[in-house]
C-alpha atoms as a PDB file:
ATOM      1  CA  MET A   1      -2.501  31.992  10.774  1.00  0.00           C
ATOM      2  CA  SER A   2      -3.796  29.972   7.848  1.00  0.00           C
ATOM      3  CA  PRO A   3      -2.978  26.270   7.610  1.00  0.00           C
ATOM      4  CA  MET A   4      -0.107  25.068   5.423  1.00  0.00           C
ATOM      5  CA  SER A   5      -1.399  23.783   2.069  1.00  0.00           C
ATOM      6  CA  ILE A   6       0.129  20.436   1.088  1.00  0.00           C
ATOM      7  CA  LEU A   7      -0.309  18.645  -2.224  1.00  0.00           C
ATOM      8  CA  LEU A   8       0.146  14.879  -1.928  1.00  0.00           C
ATOM      9  CA  ALA A   9       0.744  13.389  -5.387  1.00  0.00           C
ATOM     10  CA  THR A  10      -0.134   9.734  -5.856  1.00  0.00           C
ATOM     11  CA  ASP A  11      -0.260   7.050  -8.480  1.00  0.00           C
ATOM     12  CA  GLY A  12      -1.239   4.338  -5.996  1.00  0.00           C
ATOM     13  CA  SER A  13       2.218   2.745  -6.093  1.00  0.00           C
ATOM     14  CA  PRO A  14       3.843   1.409  -2.916  1.00  0.00           C
ATOM     15  CA  GLU A  15       6.149   4.452  -2.969  1.00  0.00           C
ATOM     16  CA  ALA A  16       3.183   6.833  -3.123  1.00  0.00           C
ATOM     17  CA  LEU A  17       1.447   4.994  -0.267  1.00  0.00           C
ATOM     18  CA  ALA A  18       4.682   5.236   1.761  1.00  0.00           C
ATOM     19  CA  ALA A  19       4.680   9.009   1.177  1.00  0.00           C
ATOM     20  CA  ALA A  20       1.093   9.169   2.465  1.00  0.00           C
ATOM     21  CA  GLU A  21       2.032   7.149   5.559  1.00  0.00           C
ATOM     22  CA  TRP A  22       5.009   9.443   6.182  1.00  0.00           C
ATOM     23  CA  LEU A  23       2.863  12.551   5.818  1.00  0.00           C
ATOM     24  CA  ASP A  24       0.192  11.134   8.122  1.00  0.00           C
ATOM     25  CA  ARG A  25       2.750  10.842  10.924  1.00  0.00           C
ATOM     26  CA  TRP A  26       3.621  14.536  10.748  1.00  0.00           C
ATOM     27  CA  VAL A  27       0.392  16.394  10.007  1.00  0.00           C
ATOM     28  CA  HIS A  28      -2.180  17.913  12.319  1.00  0.00           C
ATOM     29  CA  PRO A  29      -5.615  18.980  11.046  1.00  0.00           C
ATOM     30  CA  GLU A  30      -5.233  22.363  12.747  1.00  0.00           C
ATOM     31  CA  THR A  31      -2.042  23.221  10.891  1.00  0.00           C
ATOM     32  CA  VAL A  32      -2.373  21.733   7.382  1.00  0.00           C
ATOM     33  CA  THR A  33      -4.790  21.073   4.582  1.00  0.00           C
ATOM     34  CA  ILE A  34      -4.052  18.268   2.144  1.00  0.00           C
ATOM     35  CA  THR A  35      -5.008  18.117  -1.503  1.00  0.00           C
ATOM     36  CA  LEU A  36      -4.658  14.621  -2.924  1.00  0.00           C
ATOM     37  CA  VAL A  37      -3.770  14.667  -6.626  1.00  0.00           C
ATOM     38  CA  THR A  38      -3.267  12.029  -9.287  1.00  0.00           C
ATOM     39  CA  VAL A  39      -2.708  12.467 -12.998  1.00  0.00           C
ATOM     40  CA  ILE A  40      -3.980  10.551 -15.990  1.00  0.00           C
ATOM     41  CA  SER A  41      -2.248  10.933 -19.324  1.00  0.00           C
ATOM     42  CA  PRO A  42      -4.255  10.890 -22.531  1.00  0.00           C
ATOM     43  CA  PRO A  43      -3.524   7.770 -24.577  1.00  0.00           C
ATOM     44  CA  SER A  44      -0.994   8.125 -27.363  1.00  0.00           C
ATOM     45  CA  LEU A  45      -2.392   8.378 -30.857  1.00  0.00           C
ATOM     46  CA  SER A  46       0.218   5.890 -32.104  1.00  0.00           C
ATOM     47  CA  TRP A  47      -2.116   2.959 -31.396  1.00  0.00           C
ATOM     48  CA  THR A  48      -4.530   4.263 -34.056  1.00  0.00           C
ATOM     49  CA  VAL A  49      -2.375   3.027 -36.889  1.00  0.00           C
ATOM     50  CA  GLY A  50      -2.963  -0.658 -37.464  1.00  0.00           C
ATOM     51  CA  ALA A  51      -0.932  -3.234 -39.325  1.00  0.00           C
ATOM     52  CA  GLY A  52      -0.019  -2.029 -42.773  1.00  0.00           C
ATOM     53  CA  GLY A  53      -0.504   1.616 -41.847  1.00  0.00           C
ATOM     54  CA  TYR A  54      -4.311   1.633 -42.078  1.00  0.00           C
ATOM     55  CA  MET A  55      -6.134   4.048 -39.792  1.00  0.00           C
ATOM     56  CA  LEU A  56      -8.975   2.840 -37.605  1.00  0.00           C
ATOM     57  CA  ASP A  57     -12.374   4.135 -38.638  1.00  0.00           C
ATOM     58  CA  ALA A  58     -13.781   7.038 -36.611  1.00  0.00           C
ATOM     59  CA  ASP A  59     -16.300   4.972 -34.619  1.00  0.00           C
ATOM     60  CA  VAL A  60     -13.742   2.360 -33.588  1.00  0.00           C
ATOM     61  CA  TYR A  61     -11.241   5.105 -32.757  1.00  0.00           C
ATOM     62  CA  THR A  62     -13.728   7.031 -30.604  1.00  0.00           C
ATOM     63  CA  LYS A  63     -14.932   3.934 -28.763  1.00  0.00           C
ATOM     64  CA  THR A  64     -11.412   2.625 -28.135  1.00  0.00           C
ATOM     65  CA  TYR A  65     -10.103   6.027 -27.053  1.00  0.00           C
ATOM     66  CA  GLN A  66     -12.981   6.459 -24.586  1.00  0.00           C
ATOM     67  CA  GLN A  67     -12.401   2.947 -23.215  1.00  0.00           C
ATOM     68  CA  LEU A  68      -8.729   3.786 -22.591  1.00  0.00           C
ATOM     69  CA  ILE A  69      -9.668   7.053 -20.845  1.00  0.00           C
ATOM     70  CA  ASP A  70     -12.237   5.204 -18.683  1.00  0.00           C
ATOM     71  CA  GLU A  71      -9.612   2.624 -17.671  1.00  0.00           C
ATOM     72  CA  GLU A  72      -7.140   5.381 -16.763  1.00  0.00           C
ATOM     73  CA  LYS A  73      -9.795   7.186 -14.726  1.00  0.00           C
ATOM     74  CA  GLU A  74     -10.758   3.981 -12.901  1.00  0.00           C
ATOM     75  CA  ALA A  75      -7.109   3.332 -12.003  1.00  0.00           C
ATOM     76  CA  ALA A  76      -6.737   6.957 -10.843  1.00  0.00           C
ATOM     77  CA  GLU A  77      -9.809   6.688  -8.619  1.00  0.00           C
ATOM     78  CA  LYS A  78      -8.424   3.489  -7.064  1.00  0.00           C
ATOM     79  CA  ALA A  79      -5.075   5.208  -6.438  1.00  0.00           C
ATOM     80  CA  MET A  80      -6.920   8.068  -4.719  1.00  0.00           C
ATOM     81  CA  ARG A  81      -8.954   5.690  -2.518  1.00  0.00           C
ATOM     82  CA  ASP A  82      -5.911   3.635  -1.544  1.00  0.00           C
ATOM     83  CA  THR A  83      -3.883   6.734  -0.713  1.00  0.00           C
ATOM     84  CA  ALA A  84      -6.695   8.479   1.169  1.00  0.00           C
ATOM     85  CA  GLN A  85      -6.979   5.415   3.424  1.00  0.00           C
ATOM     86  CA  GLN A  86      -3.411   6.070   4.603  1.00  0.00           C
ATOM     87  CA  LEU A  87      -4.338   9.562   5.819  1.00  0.00           C
ATOM     88  CA  LYS A  88      -5.979   9.134   9.200  1.00  0.00           C
ATOM     89  CA  ALA A  89      -4.620  12.151  11.113  1.00  0.00           C
ATOM     90  CA  CYS A  90      -5.625  14.653   8.450  1.00  0.00           C
ATOM     91  CA  PRO A  91      -7.864  13.341   5.668  1.00  0.00           C
ATOM     92  CA  PRO A  92      -7.636  15.052   2.278  1.00  0.00           C
ATOM     93  CA  ALA A  93      -9.538  18.311   2.111  1.00  0.00           C
ATOM     94  CA  LYS A  94      -9.783  17.959  -1.635  1.00  0.00           C
ATOM     95  CA  GLU A  95      -9.148  15.280  -4.265  1.00  0.00           C
ATOM     96  CA  GLU A  96      -8.268  16.122  -7.866  1.00  0.00           C
ATOM     97  CA  ILE A  97      -7.705  13.995 -10.947  1.00  0.00           C
ATOM     98  CA  LEU A  98      -5.607  15.977 -13.409  1.00  0.00           C
ATOM     99  CA  VAL A  99      -5.040  15.226 -17.094  1.00  0.00           C
ATOM    100  CA  GLY A 100      -1.709  15.680 -18.842  1.00  0.00           C
ATOM    101  CA  ALA A 101       1.981  14.988 -18.421  1.00  0.00           C
ATOM    102  CA  PRO A 102       2.262  14.110 -14.702  1.00  0.00           C
ATOM    103  CA  ALA A 103       5.201  16.308 -13.600  1.00  0.00           C
ATOM    104  CA  LYS A 104       3.946  19.319 -15.518  1.00  0.00           C
ATOM    105  CA  ALA A 105       0.340  18.898 -14.340  1.00  0.00           C
ATOM    106  CA  ILE A 106       1.394  18.567 -10.680  1.00  0.00           C
ATOM    107  CA  VAL A 107       3.573  21.684 -10.774  1.00  0.00           C
ATOM    108  CA  GLU A 108       0.960  23.728 -12.657  1.00  0.00           C
ATOM    109  CA  TYR A 109      -1.727  22.742 -10.147  1.00  0.00           C
ATOM    110  CA  ALA A 110       0.522  23.528  -7.179  1.00  0.00           C
ATOM    111  CA  THR A 111       1.392  26.927  -8.601  1.00  0.00           C
ATOM    112  CA  ALA A 112      -2.165  27.867  -9.578  1.00  0.00           C
ATOM    113  CA  HIS A 113      -3.593  26.824  -6.190  1.00  0.00           C
ATOM    114  CA  HIS A 114      -0.899  28.394  -4.008  1.00  0.00           C
ATOM    115  CA  ILE A 115       0.329  25.105  -2.563  1.00  0.00           C
ATOM    116  CA  ASP A 116       3.026  25.479   0.113  1.00  0.00           C
ATOM    117  CA  LEU A 117       4.583  21.994  -0.190  1.00  0.00           C
ATOM    118  CA  ILE A 118       4.437  19.042  -2.592  1.00  0.00           C
ATOM    119  CA  VAL A 119       4.904  15.563  -1.092  1.00  0.00           C
ATOM    120  CA  MET A 120       5.366  12.502  -3.270  1.00  0.00           C
ATOM    121  CA  GLY A 121       6.966   9.087  -3.356  1.00  0.00           C
ATOM    122  CA  ARG A 122      10.175   8.192  -5.124  1.00  0.00           C
ATOM    123  CA  ARG A 123      10.077   5.743  -7.995  1.00  0.00           C
ATOM    124  CA  GLY A 124      13.158   3.972  -9.290  1.00  0.00           C
ATOM    125  CA  HIS A 125      11.954   2.970 -12.749  1.00  0.00           C
ATOM    126  CA  SER A 126      13.632   5.659 -14.836  1.00  0.00           C
ATOM    127  CA  ALA A 127      16.989   6.130 -16.495  1.00  0.00           C
ATOM    128  CA  LEU A 128      18.117   7.756 -13.251  1.00  0.00           C
ATOM    129  CA  GLY A 129      18.231   4.332 -11.626  1.00  0.00           C
ATOM    130  CA  ASN A 130      17.574   4.204  -7.914  1.00  0.00           C
ATOM    131  CA  LEU A 131      17.782   7.957  -7.323  1.00  0.00           C
ATOM    132  CA  MET A 132      14.186   8.778  -8.213  1.00  0.00           C
ATOM    133  CA  GLY A 133      11.558   8.303 -10.870  1.00  0.00           C
ATOM    134  CA  SER A 134      11.020  10.554 -13.847  1.00  0.00           C
ATOM    135  CA  VAL A 135       7.882  12.176 -12.404  1.00  0.00           C
ATOM    136  CA  SER A 136       9.426  12.998  -9.018  1.00  0.00           C
ATOM    137  CA  PHE A 137      12.577  14.211 -10.798  1.00  0.00           C
ATOM    138  CA  GLY A 138      10.482  16.390 -13.121  1.00  0.00           C
ATOM    139  CA  VAL A 139       8.469  17.882 -10.267  1.00  0.00           C
ATOM    140  CA  LEU A 140      11.606  18.553  -8.227  1.00  0.00           C
ATOM    141  CA  HIS A 141      13.227  20.461 -11.084  1.00  0.00           C
ATOM    142  CA  ARG A 142      10.140  22.363 -12.259  1.00  0.00           C
ATOM    143  CA  SER A 143       8.511  23.327  -8.992  1.00  0.00           C
ATOM    144  CA  PRO A 144       8.765  26.844  -7.571  1.00  0.00           C
ATOM    145  CA  VAL A 145       7.500  25.464  -4.218  1.00  0.00           C
ATOM    146  CA  PRO A 146       9.341  23.065  -1.891  1.00  0.00           C
ATOM    147  CA  VAL A 147       9.122  19.353  -2.727  1.00  0.00           C
ATOM    148  CA  THR A 148       9.536  16.463  -0.282  1.00  0.00           C
ATOM    149  CA  ILE A 149      10.299  13.117  -1.892  1.00  0.00           C
ATOM    150  CA  VAL A 150       9.734  10.154   0.401  1.00  0.00           C
ATOM    151  CA  SER A 151      11.541   6.879  -0.219  1.00  0.00           C
END
């Protein structure tokens, strides 16, 4: 029997770390494999228009855009490290930094890689109030595989 494949989504938030702690209590290396995933979103192009509607020149645009991507990647790597430290019983078999809209990227990855279960933390910073965050809500409603949301 092959091990259950679990995707643990993280953004490094306290809720995501709580989900990792919860998962660590229930997993056994013989029965599961964990893929740790975080998502960076490309910066919006709206910041390219300066005061008065003037566009930034190409060199400034390229340099600034790359700086924003580097900052996002650095934050994603920190989120991965912090979350991986919570997984003592079954360390991540794989770590992936995805690019795109978080809910969509998580579901697409889970589907393409035949994930059996998605585990993630709940965030209460959306229009849904204290129920869950927009990413966990989006994953829950898009995912063809089971989703566990830890609060």
